[in-house]
Amino acid sequence: MDVNDININSDDSDIIASFNNGNEHSFNYLVLKYQKRIYWVIRRMVLDHDDADDIMQEVFVKLYKSIKNFRGDSSFYTYIYKIAVNYSLNHLKKQKNTSSRVKDLDEESYRISSNDSLQDEDYDIASRKAILEEAIKKLPEQQRAVFNLRFYDNLSYEEIAKILNKSVGGMKANYFHAVKKLKRLLKGKGMMGLLIKYLILIL
């Protein structure tokens, strides 16, 4: 493909080949293509917007430096997800021995609006999402990663196993235990029916 034909809608392999052939501007297309998805992969892990934004920048710096090593053994999004999840897990490990304040998800995601015109249905959806997020943040780091990648990003267990360098069976077990804990945490909060309805579709 001609360098001038490269754009955000080009295949990842073509964009990467263009970048590796000296067209550094091509890297911007990868950033534009994946920054929102990668931000939310990180944000759902670390919860804080500023931390997520900082880590996302680190992820793309790492990607810029290492993309020449990408051999295509897995899909590119698996490759970049792996970097993002590893950076997120490292961040959480650093936080373990320190007292940190967890900020609420901002208005772009799940903030419940106080606007009087907000419909009951919209309020109910936002409220349920907030309750679910509160429960998810209580999961152990790896279970949180597996649950988020499966539940929100709809990745297969095989893809998650590649991202986390674990066995497929181990990822299934992590997801099972995460769901079990979430059911316990959400019991009595009016969430069980909705949670089970969604989880049955992706188990």
Protein backbone atom coordinates (compact mmCIF):
# COMPACT_ATOMS: atom_id res chain seq x y z
CA MET A 1 0.00 0.00 0.00
CA ASP A 2 1.24 3.48 -0.89
CA VAL A 3 2.26 5.65 2.06
CA ASN A 4 -0.20 8.31 0.94
CA ASP A 5 -3.05 5.81 1.14
CA ILE A 6 -2.52 5.05 4.84
CA ASN A 7 -5.27 6.36 7.11
CA ILE A 8 -7.06 5.48 10.34
CA ASN A 9 -9.23 2.94 8.51
CA SER A 10 -6.27 1.04 7.07
CA ASP A 11 -5.48 -2.45 8.35
CA ASP A 12 -3.21 -2.49 11.39
CA SER A 13 -0.61 -4.48 9.46
CA ASP A 14 -0.46 -1.80 6.74
CA ILE A 15 -0.16 1.02 9.28
CA ILE A 16 2.60 -0.82 11.14
CA ALA A 17 4.44 -1.60 7.91
CA SER A 18 4.24 2.07 6.92
CA PHE A 19 5.63 3.13 10.30
CA ASN A 20 8.43 0.58 10.17
CA ASN A 21 9.31 1.83 6.67
CA GLY A 22 9.99 5.31 8.01
CA ASN A 23 6.61 7.01 7.91
CA GLU A 24 6.42 7.97 11.58
CA HIS A 25 3.17 9.86 11.04
CA SER A 26 1.49 6.47 10.62
CA PHE A 27 1.87 5.88 14.34
CA ASN A 28 -0.67 8.65 14.97
CA TYR A 29 -3.29 6.51 13.25
CA LEU A 30 -2.68 3.69 15.70
CA VAL A 31 -3.06 6.12 18.59
CA LEU A 32 -6.30 7.55 17.20
CA LYS A 33 -7.60 4.07 16.46
CA TYR A 34 -6.93 2.55 19.88
CA GLN A 35 -6.60 5.32 22.47
CA LYS A 36 -10.22 5.27 23.63
CA ARG A 37 -10.36 1.47 23.95
CA ILE A 38 -7.00 1.33 25.71
CA TYR A 39 -7.97 4.18 28.03
CA TRP A 40 -11.02 2.23 29.23
CA VAL A 41 -9.09 -1.03 29.58
CA ILE A 42 -6.77 0.84 31.94
CA ARG A 43 -9.45 2.97 33.60
CA ARG A 44 -11.54 -0.04 34.58
CA MET A 45 -8.46 -1.50 36.20
CA VAL A 46 -7.03 1.51 38.05
CA LEU A 47 -10.30 3.51 38.34
CA ASP A 48 -8.68 6.93 38.60
CA HIS A 49 -8.87 9.13 35.48
CA ASP A 50 -5.50 10.85 35.97
CA ASP A 51 -3.73 7.55 36.62
CA ALA A 52 -5.41 5.98 33.60
CA ASP A 53 -4.41 8.90 31.39
CA ASP A 54 -0.78 8.73 32.57
CA ILE A 55 -0.60 4.98 32.08
CA MET A 56 -2.16 5.24 28.63
CA GLN A 57 0.60 7.65 27.60
CA GLU A 58 3.21 5.22 28.95
CA VAL A 59 1.58 2.41 26.97
CA PHE A 60 1.84 4.32 23.69
CA VAL A 61 5.43 5.35 24.43
CA LYS A 62 6.22 1.68 25.03
CA LEU A 63 4.38 0.76 21.84
CA TYR A 64 6.30 3.37 19.85
CA LYS A 65 9.60 1.94 21.04
CA SER A 66 8.69 -1.73 20.65
CA ILE A 67 6.43 -1.87 17.61
CA LYS A 68 9.34 -2.97 15.42
CA ASN A 69 9.41 -6.14 17.52
CA PHE A 70 5.78 -6.96 16.78
CA ARG A 71 5.91 -10.15 14.72
CA GLY A 72 2.21 -10.65 14.12
CA ASP A 73 2.03 -13.91 16.09
CA SER A 74 -1.17 -12.54 17.61
CA SER A 75 -3.54 -9.77 16.58
CA PHE A 76 -2.28 -6.24 17.13
CA TYR A 77 -5.04 -5.37 19.59
CA THR A 78 -4.04 -8.40 21.68
CA TYR A 79 -0.48 -7.07 21.62
CA ILE A 80 -1.43 -3.57 22.76
CA TYR A 81 -4.00 -4.87 25.28
CA LYS A 82 -1.23 -6.95 26.81
CA ILE A 83 0.94 -3.87 27.30
CA ALA A 84 -1.98 -1.93 28.79
CA VAL A 85 -3.01 -4.68 31.20
CA ASN A 86 0.57 -5.29 32.35
CA TYR A 87 1.10 -1.59 33.03
CA SER A 88 -2.21 -1.45 34.90
CA LEU A 89 -1.37 -4.49 37.04
CA ASN A 90 2.06 -3.04 37.84
CA HIS A 91 0.41 0.21 38.89
CA LEU A 92 -2.00 -1.65 41.19
CA LYS A 93 0.85 -3.62 42.75
CA LYS A 94 2.68 -0.38 43.53
CA GLN A 95 -0.45 0.94 45.20
CA LYS A 96 -0.92 -2.10 47.43
CA ASN A 97 1.31 -0.86 50.23
CA THR A 98 0.19 2.74 50.04
CA SER A 99 -3.00 4.43 51.07
CA SER A 100 -4.70 5.76 47.96
CA ARG A 101 -7.94 7.56 47.40
CA VAL A 102 -10.12 5.95 44.76
CA LYS A 103 -12.00 8.54 42.77
CA ASP A 104 -15.47 7.98 41.40
CA LEU A 105 -15.81 7.32 37.71
CA ASP A 106 -16.23 10.65 35.99
CA GLU A 107 -19.25 11.97 34.17
CA GLU A 108 -18.03 10.63 30.84
CA SER A 109 -18.66 7.13 32.08
CA TYR A 110 -21.06 6.33 34.87
CA ARG A 111 -21.74 9.46 36.91
CA ILE A 112 -25.38 9.64 37.92
CA SER A 113 -26.70 12.99 36.77
CA SER A 114 -28.64 15.18 39.16
CA ASN A 115 -30.47 16.77 36.23
CA ASP A 116 -34.21 16.80 36.95
CA SER A 117 -34.94 15.91 33.36
CA LEU A 118 -33.11 12.59 33.60
CA GLN A 119 -35.53 9.80 32.79
CA ASP A 120 -36.19 7.05 35.34
CA GLU A 121 -34.89 4.42 32.92
CA ASP A 122 -31.65 6.31 32.33
CA TYR A 123 -31.22 6.82 36.06
CA ASP A 124 -31.80 3.11 36.68
CA ILE A 125 -29.19 2.12 34.09
CA ALA A 126 -26.62 4.59 35.44
CA SER A 127 -27.31 3.48 39.00
CA ARG A 128 -26.87 -0.19 38.13
CA LYS A 129 -23.62 0.51 36.32
CA ALA A 130 -22.30 2.45 39.31
CA ILE A 131 -23.22 -0.41 41.66
CA LEU A 132 -21.55 -2.95 39.39
CA GLU A 133 -18.37 -0.84 39.13
CA GLU A 134 -18.25 -0.52 42.90
CA ALA A 135 -18.37 -4.32 43.20
CA ILE A 136 -15.80 -4.92 40.43
CA LYS A 137 -13.19 -2.72 42.11
CA LYS A 138 -13.29 -5.08 45.11
CA LEU A 139 -12.07 -8.02 43.01
CA PRO A 140 -8.40 -9.11 43.18
CA GLU A 141 -6.32 -7.52 40.41
CA GLN A 142 -6.10 -10.51 38.07
CA GLN A 143 -9.76 -11.43 38.49
CA ARG A 144 -10.65 -7.80 37.77
CA ALA A 145 -8.54 -7.88 34.61
CA VAL A 146 -10.07 -11.14 33.39
CA PHE A 147 -13.61 -10.02 34.19
CA ASN A 148 -13.19 -6.64 32.48
CA LEU A 149 -11.62 -8.10 29.34
CA ARG A 150 -14.37 -10.71 29.09
CA PHE A 151 -17.37 -8.67 30.22
CA TYR A 152 -16.62 -5.25 28.71
CA ASP A 153 -14.29 -6.03 25.81
CA ASN A 154 -15.88 -9.38 24.91
CA LEU A 155 -12.50 -11.06 24.41
CA SER A 156 -12.30 -14.83 24.21
CA TYR A 157 -10.57 -16.82 26.96
CA GLU A 158 -7.86 -17.66 24.43
CA GLU A 159 -7.22 -13.95 23.79
CA ILE A 160 -7.22 -13.15 27.51
CA ALA A 161 -4.78 -16.01 28.15
CA LYS A 162 -2.38 -14.55 25.58
CA ILE A 163 -2.65 -11.08 27.10
CA LEU A 164 -1.96 -12.29 30.65
CA ASN A 165 0.43 -15.13 29.74
CA LYS A 166 -1.75 -17.65 31.54
CA SER A 167 -3.55 -20.84 30.61
CA VAL A 168 -7.03 -20.78 29.11
CA GLY A 169 -8.24 -22.95 31.97
CA GLY A 170 -6.79 -20.51 34.48
CA MET A 171 -8.62 -17.62 32.84
CA LYS A 172 -11.91 -19.50 32.92
CA ALA A 173 -11.36 -20.23 36.60
CA ASN A 174 -10.57 -16.56 37.30
CA TYR A 175 -13.72 -15.47 35.54
CA PHE A 176 -15.82 -18.05 37.39
CA HIS A 177 -14.48 -16.90 40.77
CA ALA A 178 -14.96 -13.24 39.80
CA VAL A 179 -18.59 -13.88 38.89
CA LYS A 180 -19.12 -15.83 42.11
CA LYS A 181 -17.75 -12.93 44.18
CA LEU A 182 -19.79 -10.38 42.26
CA LYS A 183 -22.96 -12.35 42.86
CA ARG A 184 -22.21 -12.31 46.57
CA LEU A 185 -21.38 -8.60 46.58
CA LEU A 186 -24.48 -7.68 44.58
CA LYS A 187 -26.92 -9.84 46.48
CA GLY A 188 -29.76 -7.75 47.82
CA LYS A 189 -28.94 -4.75 45.60
CA GLY A 190 -31.52 -5.51 42.91
CA MET A 191 -28.77 -6.46 40.46
CA MET A 192 -28.84 -10.23 40.39
CA GLY A 193 -31.36 -10.66 37.59
CA LEU A 194 -29.59 -8.20 35.30
CA LEU A 195 -26.12 -9.53 36.12
CA ILE A 196 -27.07 -13.16 35.53
CA LYS A 197 -28.84 -12.23 32.29
CA TYR A 198 -25.64 -10.69 30.89
CA LEU A 199 -23.21 -13.20 32.34
CA ILE A 200 -25.06 -16.19 30.90
CA LEU A 201 -24.37 -14.75 27.43
CA ILE A 202 -20.58 -14.65 27.92
CA LEU A 203 -19.69 -17.52 30.23
